[in-house]
N, C-alpha and C. Protein backbone atom coordinates (compact mmCIF):
# COMPACT_ATOMS: atom_id res chain seq x y z
N MET A 1 16.47 24.72 -7.83
CA MET A 1 17.48 23.81 -7.36
C MET A 1 18.41 23.48 -8.52
N ARG A 2 19.68 23.41 -8.25
CA ARG A 2 20.69 23.09 -9.26
C ARG A 2 21.06 21.62 -9.19
N LEU A 3 21.58 21.12 -10.31
CA LEU A 3 22.04 19.74 -10.34
C LEU A 3 23.12 19.50 -9.30
N SER A 4 23.97 20.48 -9.09
CA SER A 4 25.04 20.33 -8.08
C SER A 4 24.45 20.17 -6.68
N ASP A 5 23.28 20.77 -6.42
CA ASP A 5 22.60 20.57 -5.13
C ASP A 5 22.14 19.13 -4.99
N LEU A 6 21.65 18.55 -6.07
CA LEU A 6 21.19 17.15 -6.04
C LEU A 6 22.37 16.19 -5.89
N GLN A 7 23.49 16.51 -6.51
CA GLN A 7 24.64 15.61 -6.50
C GLN A 7 25.22 15.41 -5.10
N SER A 8 24.98 16.35 -4.22
CA SER A 8 25.54 16.23 -2.86
C SER A 8 24.66 15.39 -1.93
N LYS A 9 23.50 14.96 -2.41
CA LYS A 9 22.57 14.21 -1.56
C LYS A 9 22.75 12.69 -1.73
N ASN A 10 22.53 11.95 -0.66
CA ASN A 10 22.51 10.50 -0.73
C ASN A 10 21.22 10.07 -1.41
N ILE A 11 21.28 8.99 -2.18
CA ILE A 11 20.09 8.44 -2.83
C ILE A 11 19.79 7.11 -2.17
N VAL A 12 18.57 7.00 -1.60
CA VAL A 12 18.18 5.80 -0.85
C VAL A 12 16.93 5.21 -1.46
N ASN A 13 16.96 3.90 -1.67
CA ASN A 13 15.80 3.17 -2.19
C ASN A 13 14.85 2.88 -1.02
N VAL A 14 13.62 3.36 -1.10
CA VAL A 14 12.66 3.17 -0.01
C VAL A 14 12.21 1.72 0.13
N LEU A 15 12.41 0.92 -0.90
CA LEU A 15 11.97 -0.48 -0.84
C LEU A 15 12.88 -1.35 0.03
N ASP A 16 14.17 -1.01 0.08
CA ASP A 16 15.09 -1.83 0.88
C ASP A 16 16.00 -1.01 1.79
N GLY A 17 15.93 0.31 1.73
CA GLY A 17 16.72 1.18 2.59
C GLY A 17 18.17 1.30 2.20
N LYS A 18 18.55 0.76 1.06
CA LYS A 18 19.95 0.79 0.64
C LYS A 18 20.30 2.06 -0.12
N ASN A 19 21.57 2.46 0.01
CA ASN A 19 22.08 3.59 -0.75
C ASN A 19 22.23 3.15 -2.20
N VAL A 20 21.65 3.90 -3.12
CA VAL A 20 21.62 3.52 -4.53
C VAL A 20 22.94 3.86 -5.22
N GLY A 21 23.48 5.03 -4.99
CA GLY A 21 24.70 5.45 -5.66
C GLY A 21 24.82 6.95 -5.66
N THR A 22 25.60 7.46 -6.60
CA THR A 22 25.89 8.88 -6.68
C THR A 22 25.41 9.45 -8.01
N ILE A 23 24.77 10.60 -7.97
CA ILE A 23 24.32 11.27 -9.19
C ILE A 23 25.54 11.81 -9.92
N ILE A 24 25.67 11.43 -11.20
CA ILE A 24 26.77 11.94 -12.00
C ILE A 24 26.28 12.78 -13.18
N ASP A 25 24.97 12.70 -13.50
CA ASP A 25 24.43 13.47 -14.61
C ASP A 25 22.92 13.43 -14.55
N ALA A 26 22.29 14.16 -15.44
CA ALA A 26 20.83 14.15 -15.56
C ALA A 26 20.46 14.17 -17.03
N ASN A 27 19.35 13.54 -17.37
CA ASN A 27 18.79 13.59 -18.73
C ASN A 27 17.66 14.60 -18.73
N ILE A 28 17.77 15.59 -19.61
CA ILE A 28 16.81 16.69 -19.69
C ILE A 28 16.06 16.58 -21.02
N ASN A 29 14.74 16.79 -20.99
CA ASN A 29 13.96 16.74 -22.23
C ASN A 29 13.95 18.10 -22.93
N GLU A 30 13.24 18.18 -24.05
CA GLU A 30 13.19 19.41 -24.86
C GLU A 30 12.62 20.60 -24.11
N THR A 31 11.76 20.35 -23.14
CA THR A 31 11.12 21.44 -22.41
C THR A 31 11.95 21.90 -21.21
N GLY A 32 13.09 21.23 -20.98
CA GLY A 32 13.95 21.60 -19.86
C GLY A 32 13.66 20.88 -18.57
N SER A 33 12.76 19.89 -18.60
CA SER A 33 12.44 19.11 -17.40
C SER A 33 13.37 17.91 -17.28
N ILE A 34 13.71 17.56 -16.05
CA ILE A 34 14.54 16.39 -15.82
C ILE A 34 13.69 15.13 -16.03
N GLU A 35 14.16 14.24 -16.90
CA GLU A 35 13.48 12.96 -17.12
C GLU A 35 14.05 11.87 -16.25
N SER A 36 15.36 11.89 -16.03
CA SER A 36 16.00 10.87 -15.21
C SER A 36 17.34 11.38 -14.70
N LEU A 37 17.80 10.73 -13.65
CA LEU A 37 19.11 11.00 -13.09
C LEU A 37 20.02 9.83 -13.45
N VAL A 38 21.23 10.14 -13.86
CA VAL A 38 22.22 9.11 -14.16
C VAL A 38 23.00 8.86 -12.88
N ILE A 39 22.99 7.60 -12.45
CA ILE A 39 23.59 7.21 -11.18
C ILE A 39 24.79 6.31 -11.42
N GLU A 40 25.90 6.64 -10.76
CA GLU A 40 27.02 5.72 -10.72
C GLU A 40 26.69 4.76 -9.60
N ALA A 41 26.35 3.55 -9.97
CA ALA A 41 25.80 2.59 -9.01
C ALA A 41 26.83 2.14 -8.00
N ASN A 42 26.36 1.92 -6.77
CA ASN A 42 27.19 1.28 -5.76
C ASN A 42 27.49 -0.13 -6.22
N LYS A 43 28.54 -0.69 -5.71
CA LYS A 43 28.98 -2.02 -6.12
C LYS A 43 27.89 -3.07 -5.94
N LYS A 44 27.10 -2.98 -4.87
CA LYS A 44 26.10 -4.00 -4.57
C LYS A 44 24.73 -3.71 -5.17
N PHE A 45 24.44 -2.47 -5.56
CA PHE A 45 23.10 -2.13 -6.04
C PHE A 45 22.87 -2.69 -7.43
N LEU A 46 21.82 -3.43 -7.61
CA LEU A 46 21.41 -4.00 -8.89
C LEU A 46 22.46 -4.91 -9.51
N SER A 47 23.42 -5.37 -8.72
CA SER A 47 24.47 -6.27 -9.18
C SER A 47 25.31 -5.68 -10.31
N PHE A 48 25.45 -4.38 -10.35
CA PHE A 48 26.32 -3.75 -11.34
C PHE A 48 27.74 -3.73 -10.82
N SER A 49 28.68 -3.69 -11.75
CA SER A 49 30.05 -3.46 -11.32
C SER A 49 30.19 -1.99 -10.96
N LYS A 50 31.28 -1.64 -10.34
CA LYS A 50 31.47 -0.29 -9.83
C LYS A 50 31.42 0.76 -10.94
N ASP A 51 31.82 0.40 -12.18
CA ASP A 51 31.93 1.37 -13.26
C ASP A 51 30.64 1.57 -14.04
N GLU A 52 29.63 0.78 -13.81
CA GLU A 52 28.40 0.88 -14.58
C GLU A 52 27.49 1.98 -14.04
N GLU A 53 26.62 2.45 -14.92
CA GLU A 53 25.67 3.49 -14.56
C GLU A 53 24.26 2.94 -14.70
N THR A 54 23.33 3.57 -14.00
CA THR A 54 21.93 3.22 -14.13
C THR A 54 21.13 4.51 -14.12
N LEU A 55 19.88 4.42 -14.50
CA LEU A 55 19.00 5.58 -14.51
C LEU A 55 17.97 5.46 -13.41
N VAL A 56 17.68 6.57 -12.79
CA VAL A 56 16.54 6.67 -11.88
C VAL A 56 15.58 7.66 -12.54
N LEU A 57 14.43 7.16 -12.95
CA LEU A 57 13.45 8.03 -13.59
C LEU A 57 12.93 9.05 -12.59
N TRP A 58 12.65 10.24 -13.07
CA TRP A 58 12.15 11.31 -12.21
C TRP A 58 10.87 10.87 -11.51
N LYS A 59 10.04 10.09 -12.20
CA LYS A 59 8.77 9.63 -11.62
C LYS A 59 8.99 8.66 -10.46
N ASP A 60 10.18 8.05 -10.37
CA ASP A 60 10.49 7.12 -9.29
C ASP A 60 11.00 7.81 -8.02
N ILE A 61 11.23 9.11 -8.09
CA ILE A 61 11.66 9.87 -6.92
C ILE A 61 10.43 10.17 -6.07
N THR A 62 10.48 9.74 -4.81
CA THR A 62 9.32 9.96 -3.93
C THR A 62 9.48 11.19 -3.06
N LYS A 63 10.73 11.57 -2.75
CA LYS A 63 10.95 12.73 -1.87
C LYS A 63 12.39 13.22 -2.04
N ILE A 64 12.53 14.54 -2.13
CA ILE A 64 13.85 15.15 -2.11
C ILE A 64 13.94 15.93 -0.81
N GLY A 65 14.76 15.43 0.09
CA GLY A 65 14.94 16.07 1.38
C GLY A 65 16.20 16.91 1.41
N GLU A 66 16.52 17.40 2.58
CA GLU A 66 17.69 18.26 2.72
C GLU A 66 18.99 17.48 2.51
N ASP A 67 19.03 16.22 2.95
CA ASP A 67 20.25 15.42 2.85
C ASP A 67 20.11 14.17 1.99
N VAL A 68 18.89 13.83 1.61
CA VAL A 68 18.67 12.55 0.95
C VAL A 68 17.60 12.68 -0.13
N ILE A 69 17.73 11.82 -1.14
CA ILE A 69 16.71 11.67 -2.17
C ILE A 69 16.17 10.26 -2.03
N LEU A 70 14.87 10.12 -1.80
CA LEU A 70 14.24 8.80 -1.67
C LEU A 70 13.67 8.39 -3.02
N VAL A 71 14.00 7.18 -3.44
CA VAL A 71 13.49 6.67 -4.71
C VAL A 71 12.79 5.34 -4.47
N ASN A 72 11.82 5.05 -5.30
CA ASN A 72 11.09 3.79 -5.26
C ASN A 72 11.51 3.02 -6.50
N LYS A 73 12.54 2.20 -6.36
CA LYS A 73 13.12 1.51 -7.51
C LYS A 73 13.23 0.02 -7.24
N GLN A 74 12.58 -0.77 -8.09
CA GLN A 74 12.65 -2.22 -7.98
C GLN A 74 14.05 -2.68 -8.35
N THR A 75 14.62 -3.60 -7.59
CA THR A 75 15.91 -4.16 -7.92
C THR A 75 15.70 -5.44 -8.69
N ARG A 76 16.61 -5.70 -9.62
CA ARG A 76 16.55 -6.95 -10.39
C ARG A 76 17.21 -8.07 -9.61
N ARG A 77 16.63 -9.24 -9.71
CA ARG A 77 17.22 -10.41 -9.02
C ARG A 77 17.56 -11.47 -10.02
């Protein structure tokens, strides 16, 4: 699977069903494995402004489907 394939998928938090944001990059370790996805956060997700980014750790991804990526990510309050 290519990063461009992941970028076209919606990212949904399984804890609240909300769309997390859009994948704009990935962090890769020395062995070539993805450690995290860099997300351009939606305006309402995690109370970030539209221009801020957040990370979704690879371990927080619960399922990569055909149209959606499900993540288990706690939101800050």
